[in-house]
All heavy atoms as atom14 arrays in JSON, in Angstrom:
{
  "sequence": "WDAGERGLACLPGREAEFREGIAKAIEYAQALQCP",
  "atom14_mask": [
    [1, 1, 1, 1, 1, 1, 1, 1, 1, 1, 1, 1, 1, 1],
    [1, 1, 1, 1, 1, 1, 1, 1, 0, 0, 0, 0, 0, 0],
    [1, 1, 1, 1, 1, 0, 0, 0, 0, 0, 0, 0, 0, 0],
    [1, 1, 1, 1, 0, 0, 0, 0, 0, 0, 0, 0, 0, 0],
    [1, 1, 1, 1, 1, 1, 1, 1, 1, 0, 0, 0, 0, 0],
    [1, 1, 1, 1, 1, 1, 1, 1, 1, 1, 1, 0, 0, 0],
    [1, 1, 1, 1, 0, 0, 0, 0, 0, 0, 0, 0, 0, 0],
    [1, 1, 1, 1, 1, 1, 1, 1, 0, 0, 0, 0, 0, 0],
    [1, 1, 1, 1, 1, 0, 0, 0, 0, 0, 0, 0, 0, 0],
    [1, 1, 1, 1, 1, 1, 0, 0, 0, 0, 0, 0, 0, 0],
    [1, 1, 1, 1, 1, 1, 1, 1, 0, 0, 0, 0, 0, 0],
    [1, 1, 1, 1, 1, 1, 1, 0, 0, 0, 0, 0, 0, 0],
    [1, 1, 1, 1, 0, 0, 0, 0, 0, 0, 0, 0, 0, 0],
    [1, 1, 1, 1, 1, 1, 1, 1, 1, 1, 1, 0, 0, 0],
    [1, 1, 1, 1, 1, 1, 1, 1, 1, 0, 0, 0, 0, 0],
    [1, 1, 1, 1, 1, 0, 0, 0, 0, 0, 0, 0, 0, 0],
    [1, 1, 1, 1, 1, 1, 1, 1, 1, 0, 0, 0, 0, 0],
    [1, 1, 1, 1, 1, 1, 1, 1, 1, 1, 1, 0, 0, 0],
    [1, 1, 1, 1, 1, 1, 1, 1, 1, 1, 1, 0, 0, 0],
    [1, 1, 1, 1, 1, 1, 1, 1, 1, 0, 0, 0, 0, 0],
    [1, 1, 1, 1, 0, 0, 0, 0, 0, 0, 0, 0, 0, 0],
    [1, 1, 1, 1, 1, 1, 1, 1, 0, 0, 0, 0, 0, 0],
    [1, 1, 1, 1, 1, 0, 0, 0, 0, 0, 0, 0, 0, 0],
    [1, 1, 1, 1, 1, 1, 1, 1, 1, 0, 0, 0, 0, 0],
    [1, 1, 1, 1, 1, 0, 0, 0, 0, 0, 0, 0, 0, 0],
    [1, 1, 1, 1, 1, 1, 1, 1, 0, 0, 0, 0, 0, 0],
    [1, 1, 1, 1, 1, 1, 1, 1, 1, 0, 0, 0, 0, 0],
    [1, 1, 1, 1, 1, 1, 1, 1, 1, 1, 1, 1, 0, 0],
    [1, 1, 1, 1, 1, 0, 0, 0, 0, 0, 0, 0, 0, 0],
    [1, 1, 1, 1, 1, 1, 1, 1, 1, 0, 0, 0, 0, 0],
    [1, 1, 1, 1, 1, 0, 0, 0, 0, 0, 0, 0, 0, 0],
    [1, 1, 1, 1, 1, 1, 1, 1, 0, 0, 0, 0, 0, 0],
    [1, 1, 1, 1, 1, 1, 1, 1, 1, 0, 0, 0, 0, 0],
    [1, 1, 1, 1, 1, 1, 0, 0, 0, 0, 0, 0, 0, 0],
    [1, 1, 1, 1, 1, 1, 1, 0, 0, 0, 0, 0, 0, 0]
  ],
  "atom14_positions": [
    [[63.36, -36.52, 110.9], [64.63, -36.57, 110.15], [65.45, -35.31, 110.37], [66.66, -35.37, 110.57], [64.32, -36.77, 108.67], [65.51, -36.92, 107.78], [66.16, -35.94, 107.09], [66.2, -38.14, 107.47], [67.2, -36.47, 106.37], [67.24, -37.82, 106.58], [66.01, -39.47, 107.84], [68.12, -38.78, 106.07], [66.89, -40.44, 107.34], [67.92, -40.09, 106.47]],
    [[64.8, -34.15, 110.32], [65.53, -32.88, 110.45], [66.16, -32.72, 111.83], [67.16, -32.01, 111.97], [64.6, -31.7, 110.16], [64.16, -31.67, 108.7], [64.87, -32.25, 107.85], [63.1, -31.07, 108.41], [0.0, 0.0, 0.0], [0.0, 0.0, 0.0], [0.0, 0.0, 0.0], [0.0, 0.0, 0.0], [0.0, 0.0, 0.0], [0.0, 0.0, 0.0]],
    [[65.6, -33.4, 112.82], [66.16, -33.35, 114.17], [67.2, -34.45, 114.4], [67.73, -34.58, 115.5], [65.05, -33.47, 115.21], [0.0, 0.0, 0.0], [0.0, 0.0, 0.0], [0.0, 0.0, 0.0], [0.0, 0.0, 0.0], [0.0, 0.0, 0.0], [0.0, 0.0, 0.0], [0.0, 0.0, 0.0], [0.0, 0.0, 0.0], [0.0, 0.0, 0.0]],
    [[67.48, -35.22, 113.35], [68.53, -36.23, 113.45], [68.05, -37.65, 113.64], [68.88, -38.57, 113.73], [0.0, 0.0, 0.0], [0.0, 0.0, 0.0], [0.0, 0.0, 0.0], [0.0, 0.0, 0.0], [0.0, 0.0, 0.0], [0.0, 0.0, 0.0], [0.0, 0.0, 0.0], [0.0, 0.0, 0.0], [0.0, 0.0, 0.0], [0.0, 0.0, 0.0]],
    [[66.73, -37.87, 113.7], [66.25, -39.24, 113.84], [66.44, -40.0, 112.52], [66.29, -39.43, 111.44], [64.78, -39.26, 114.27], [64.62, -38.76, 115.7], [63.22, -38.96, 116.26], [62.25, -38.92, 115.47], [63.11, -39.15, 117.48], [0.0, 0.0, 0.0], [0.0, 0.0, 0.0], [0.0, 0.0, 0.0], [0.0, 0.0, 0.0], [0.0, 0.0, 0.0]],
    [[66.75, -41.28, 112.64], [67.06, -42.1, 111.47], [66.3, -43.42, 111.51], [66.84, -44.48, 111.25], [68.58, -42.34, 111.39], [69.41, -41.08, 111.11], [69.09, -40.52, 109.74], [69.84, -39.33, 109.39], [69.4, -38.08, 109.53], [68.18, -37.85, 110.06], [70.13, -37.04, 109.15], [0.0, 0.0, 0.0], [0.0, 0.0, 0.0], [0.0, 0.0, 0.0]],
    [[65.02, -43.33, 111.81], [64.17, -44.51, 111.88], [63.63, -44.7, 113.28], [64.18, -44.18, 114.27], [0.0, 0.0, 0.0], [0.0, 0.0, 0.0], [0.0, 0.0, 0.0], [0.0, 0.0, 0.0], [0.0, 0.0, 0.0], [0.0, 0.0, 0.0], [0.0, 0.0, 0.0], [0.0, 0.0, 0.0], [0.0, 0.0, 0.0], [0.0, 0.0, 0.0]],
    [[62.54, -45.46, 113.37], [61.83, -45.67, 114.64], [61.81, -47.12, 115.09], [61.4, -47.4, 116.22], [60.38, -45.18, 114.49], [60.17, -43.72, 114.12], [58.69, -43.47, 113.82], [60.64, -42.81, 115.25], [0.0, 0.0, 0.0], [0.0, 0.0, 0.0], [0.0, 0.0, 0.0], [0.0, 0.0, 0.0], [0.0, 0.0, 0.0], [0.0, 0.0, 0.0]],
    [[62.24, -48.04, 114.25], [61.98, -49.45, 114.51], [62.56, -49.96, 115.82], [61.98, -50.83, 116.46], [62.48, -50.3, 113.34], [0.0, 0.0, 0.0], [0.0, 0.0, 0.0], [0.0, 0.0, 0.0], [0.0, 0.0, 0.0], [0.0, 0.0, 0.0], [0.0, 0.0, 0.0], [0.0, 0.0, 0.0], [0.0, 0.0, 0.0], [0.0, 0.0, 0.0]],
    [[63.71, -49.43, 116.25], [64.34, -49.95, 117.46], [64.05, -49.1, 118.7], [64.6, -49.37, 119.77], [65.86, -50.09, 117.26], [66.81, -48.56, 117.46], [0.0, 0.0, 0.0], [0.0, 0.0, 0.0], [0.0, 0.0, 0.0], [0.0, 0.0, 0.0], [0.0, 0.0, 0.0], [0.0, 0.0, 0.0], [0.0, 0.0, 0.0], [0.0, 0.0, 0.0]],
    [[63.18, -48.1, 118.56], [62.98, -47.14, 119.65], [61.82, -47.55, 120.56], [60.65, -47.44, 120.17], [62.72, -45.73, 119.1], [63.78, -45.16, 118.14], [63.44, -43.72, 117.8], [65.17, -45.25, 118.73], [0.0, 0.0, 0.0], [0.0, 0.0, 0.0], [0.0, 0.0, 0.0], [0.0, 0.0, 0.0], [0.0, 0.0, 0.0], [0.0, 0.0, 0.0]],
    [[62.1, -48.0, 121.79], [61.03, -48.35, 122.72], [60.15, -47.12, 123.01], [60.67, -46.0, 123.16], [61.77, -48.79, 123.98], [63.14, -49.19, 123.51], [63.44, -48.25, 122.36], [0.0, 0.0, 0.0], [0.0, 0.0, 0.0], [0.0, 0.0, 0.0], [0.0, 0.0, 0.0], [0.0, 0.0, 0.0], [0.0, 0.0, 0.0], [0.0, 0.0, 0.0]],
    [[58.85, -47.32, 123.06], [57.92, -46.24, 123.38], [57.41, -45.48, 122.17], [56.54, -44.62, 122.31], [0.0, 0.0, 0.0], [0.0, 0.0, 0.0], [0.0, 0.0, 0.0], [0.0, 0.0, 0.0], [0.0, 0.0, 0.0], [0.0, 0.0, 0.0], [0.0, 0.0, 0.0], [0.0, 0.0, 0.0], [0.0, 0.0, 0.0], [0.0, 0.0, 0.0]],
    [[57.92, -45.8, 120.97], [57.49, -45.08, 119.76], [56.68, -45.99, 118.83], [56.53, -45.7, 117.64], [58.72, -44.53, 119.02], [59.61, -43.59, 119.83], [59.04, -42.2, 119.96], [59.01, -41.48, 118.71], [60.05, -40.81, 118.18], [61.21, -40.79, 118.81], [59.92, -40.16, 117.04], [0.0, 0.0, 0.0], [0.0, 0.0, 0.0], [0.0, 0.0, 0.0]],
    [[56.17, -47.08, 119.38], [55.5, -48.09, 118.55], [54.28, -47.53, 117.81], [54.06, -47.88, 116.64], [55.09, -49.3, 119.4], [56.25, -50.16, 119.88], [56.91, -49.65, 121.16], [56.51, -48.56, 121.66], [57.81, -50.34, 121.67], [0.0, 0.0, 0.0], [0.0, 0.0, 0.0], [0.0, 0.0, 0.0], [0.0, 0.0, 0.0], [0.0, 0.0, 0.0]],
    [[53.5, -46.7, 118.47], [52.29, -46.16, 117.82], [52.67, -45.32, 116.61], [52.05, -45.43, 115.54], [51.47, -45.34, 118.81], [0.0, 0.0, 0.0], [0.0, 0.0, 0.0], [0.0, 0.0, 0.0], [0.0, 0.0, 0.0], [0.0, 0.0, 0.0], [0.0, 0.0, 0.0], [0.0, 0.0, 0.0], [0.0, 0.0, 0.0], [0.0, 0.0, 0.0]],
    [[53.7, -44.49, 116.76], [54.16, -43.66, 115.64], [54.73, -44.53, 114.52], [54.52, -44.26, 113.34], [55.22, -42.67, 116.14], [55.66, -41.66, 115.11], [56.73, -40.7, 115.64], [56.97, -40.67, 116.87], [57.34, -40.0, 114.81], [0.0, 0.0, 0.0], [0.0, 0.0, 0.0], [0.0, 0.0, 0.0], [0.0, 0.0, 0.0], [0.0, 0.0, 0.0]],
    [[55.45, -45.58, 114.91], [55.99, -46.51, 113.91], [54.86, -47.13, 113.09], [54.92, -47.18, 111.86], [56.8, -47.61, 114.61], [57.31, -48.67, 113.67], [58.49, -48.48, 112.97], [56.6, -49.86, 113.47], [58.95, -49.44, 112.07], [57.06, -50.83, 112.58], [58.24, -50.62, 111.89], [0.0, 0.0, 0.0], [0.0, 0.0, 0.0], [0.0, 0.0, 0.0]],
    [[53.79, -47.56, 113.76], [52.68, -48.22, 113.05], [51.95, -47.24, 112.12], [51.56, -47.62, 111.02], [51.71, -48.83, 114.08], [52.32, -50.03, 114.79], [51.36, -50.7, 115.75], [51.96, -51.91, 116.29], [51.28, -52.99, 116.68], [49.96, -53.0, 116.59], [51.91, -54.05, 117.15], [0.0, 0.0, 0.0], [0.0, 0.0, 0.0], [0.0, 0.0, 0.0]],
    [[51.81, -46.01, 112.56], [51.21, -44.99, 111.69], [52.07, -44.8, 110.44], [51.55, -44.66, 109.32], [51.09, -43.66, 112.43], [50.01, -43.64, 113.5], [50.06, -42.36, 114.34], [50.78, -41.42, 113.95], [49.39, -42.33, 115.39], [0.0, 0.0, 0.0], [0.0, 0.0, 0.0], [0.0, 0.0, 0.0], [0.0, 0.0, 0.0], [0.0, 0.0, 0.0]],
    [[53.38, -44.79, 110.64], [54.3, -44.61, 109.51], [54.23, -45.77, 108.53], [54.28, -45.57, 107.31], [0.0, 0.0, 0.0], [0.0, 0.0, 0.0], [0.0, 0.0, 0.0], [0.0, 0.0, 0.0], [0.0, 0.0, 0.0], [0.0, 0.0, 0.0], [0.0, 0.0, 0.0], [0.0, 0.0, 0.0], [0.0, 0.0, 0.0], [0.0, 0.0, 0.0]],
    [[54.1, -46.98, 109.04], [54.0, -48.15, 108.16], [52.72, -48.08, 107.33], [52.72, -48.37, 106.13], [54.06, -49.45, 108.98], [55.47, -49.63, 109.58], [53.68, -50.66, 108.13], [56.6, -49.71, 108.58], [0.0, 0.0, 0.0], [0.0, 0.0, 0.0], [0.0, 0.0, 0.0], [0.0, 0.0, 0.0], [0.0, 0.0, 0.0], [0.0, 0.0, 0.0]],
    [[51.62, -47.68, 107.96], [50.36, -47.55, 107.22], [50.51, -46.54, 106.09], [50.04, -46.77, 104.96], [49.24, -47.13, 108.18], [0.0, 0.0, 0.0], [0.0, 0.0, 0.0], [0.0, 0.0, 0.0], [0.0, 0.0, 0.0], [0.0, 0.0, 0.0], [0.0, 0.0, 0.0], [0.0, 0.0, 0.0], [0.0, 0.0, 0.0], [0.0, 0.0, 0.0]],
    [[51.17, -45.43, 106.38], [51.38, -44.39, 105.36], [52.28, -44.9, 104.24], [52.01, -44.67, 103.05], [51.99, -43.15, 106.02], [52.05, -41.93, 105.12], [52.54, -40.72, 105.92], [52.44, -39.44, 105.13], [52.89, -38.28, 105.93], [0.0, 0.0, 0.0], [0.0, 0.0, 0.0], [0.0, 0.0, 0.0], [0.0, 0.0, 0.0], [0.0, 0.0, 0.0]],
    [[53.33, -45.61, 104.61], [54.26, -46.13, 103.61], [53.57, -47.14, 102.68], [53.78, -47.12, 101.46], [55.46, -46.78, 104.3], [0.0, 0.0, 0.0], [0.0, 0.0, 0.0], [0.0, 0.0, 0.0], [0.0, 0.0, 0.0], [0.0, 0.0, 0.0], [0.0, 0.0, 0.0], [0.0, 0.0, 0.0], [0.0, 0.0, 0.0], [0.0, 0.0, 0.0]],
    [[52.75, -48.0, 103.25], [52.04, -49.0, 102.44], [51.05, -48.31, 101.5], [50.9, -48.7, 100.33], [51.35, -50.03, 103.34], [52.4, -50.92, 104.01], [50.37, -50.89, 102.54], [51.86, -51.85, 105.07], [0.0, 0.0, 0.0], [0.0, 0.0, 0.0], [0.0, 0.0, 0.0], [0.0, 0.0, 0.0], [0.0, 0.0, 0.0], [0.0, 0.0, 0.0]],
    [[50.4, -47.27, 101.98], [49.48, -46.5, 101.15], [50.2, -45.93, 99.93], [49.72, -46.04, 98.79], [48.88, -45.37, 102.0], [47.82, -44.54, 101.33], [47.34, -43.43, 102.26], [47.04, -43.71, 103.44], [47.28, -42.28, 101.8], [0.0, 0.0, 0.0], [0.0, 0.0, 0.0], [0.0, 0.0, 0.0], [0.0, 0.0, 0.0], [0.0, 0.0, 0.0]],
    [[51.39, -45.34, 100.16], [52.19, -44.8, 99.06], [52.69, -45.93, 98.15], [52.67, -45.79, 96.91], [53.37, -44.0, 99.59], [53.1, -42.52, 99.73], [52.41, -42.02, 100.83], [53.5, -41.62, 98.76], [52.15, -40.66, 100.97], [53.25, -40.26, 98.88], [52.58, -39.79, 99.98], [52.32, -38.44, 100.1], [0.0, 0.0, 0.0], [0.0, 0.0, 0.0]],
    [[53.12, -47.03, 98.74], [53.64, -48.13, 97.93], [52.58, -48.68, 96.99], [52.87, -49.01, 95.83], [54.18, -49.23, 98.84], [0.0, 0.0, 0.0], [0.0, 0.0, 0.0], [0.0, 0.0, 0.0], [0.0, 0.0, 0.0], [0.0, 0.0, 0.0], [0.0, 0.0, 0.0], [0.0, 0.0, 0.0], [0.0, 0.0, 0.0], [0.0, 0.0, 0.0]],
    [[51.36, -48.78, 97.47], [50.27, -49.25, 96.61], [50.01, -48.27, 95.47], [49.86, -48.67, 94.32], [49.0, -49.44, 97.43], [49.05, -50.64, 98.37], [47.75, -50.77, 99.15], [47.56, -50.16, 100.19], [46.83, -51.57, 98.62], [0.0, 0.0, 0.0], [0.0, 0.0, 0.0], [0.0, 0.0, 0.0], [0.0, 0.0, 0.0], [0.0, 0.0, 0.0]],
    [[49.99, -46.98, 95.8], [49.72, -45.97, 94.77], [50.82, -45.92, 93.72], [50.57, -45.64, 92.55], [49.56, -44.6, 95.44], [0.0, 0.0, 0.0], [0.0, 0.0, 0.0], [0.0, 0.0, 0.0], [0.0, 0.0, 0.0], [0.0, 0.0, 0.0], [0.0, 0.0, 0.0], [0.0, 0.0, 0.0], [0.0, 0.0, 0.0], [0.0, 0.0, 0.0]],
    [[52.07, -46.19, 94.15], [53.22, -46.11, 93.24], [53.61, -47.48, 92.67], [54.61, -47.57, 91.95], [54.41, -45.49, 93.97], [54.17, -44.1, 94.58], [55.4, -43.62, 95.33], [53.76, -43.09, 93.5], [0.0, 0.0, 0.0], [0.0, 0.0, 0.0], [0.0, 0.0, 0.0], [0.0, 0.0, 0.0], [0.0, 0.0, 0.0], [0.0, 0.0, 0.0]],
    [[52.83, -48.51, 93.03], [53.15, -49.88, 92.61], [54.6, -50.24, 92.96], [55.33, -50.85, 92.15], [52.87, -50.07, 91.12], [51.42, -49.84, 90.76], [51.12, -50.02, 89.27], [51.87, -50.68, 88.56], [50.04, -49.43, 88.8], [0.0, 0.0, 0.0], [0.0, 0.0, 0.0], [0.0, 0.0, 0.0], [0.0, 0.0, 0.0], [0.0, 0.0, 0.0]],
    [[54.99, -49.86, 94.16], [56.36, -50.1, 94.63], [56.39, -51.36, 95.49], [55.68, -51.45, 96.49], [56.85, -48.89, 95.44], [58.53, -49.08, 96.06], [0.0, 0.0, 0.0], [0.0, 0.0, 0.0], [0.0, 0.0, 0.0], [0.0, 0.0, 0.0], [0.0, 0.0, 0.0], [0.0, 0.0, 0.0], [0.0, 0.0, 0.0], [0.0, 0.0, 0.0]],
    [[57.23, -52.33, 95.15], [57.21, -53.61, 95.85], [58.1, -53.71, 97.08], [58.15, -54.75, 97.72], [57.7, -54.6, 94.78], [58.63, -53.77, 93.95], [58.08, -52.38, 93.94], [0.0, 0.0, 0.0], [0.0, 0.0, 0.0], [0.0, 0.0, 0.0], [0.0, 0.0, 0.0], [0.0, 0.0, 0.0], [0.0, 0.0, 0.0], [0.0, 0.0, 0.0]]
  ]
}
């Protein structure tokens, strides 16, 4: 984010990082009961 990136979903070649991010987001969503 600090370097100006605004998401990974459309970026070819960044799929592994995207998947790691989704796992982290779901972990937080479960802990915060965020739907």
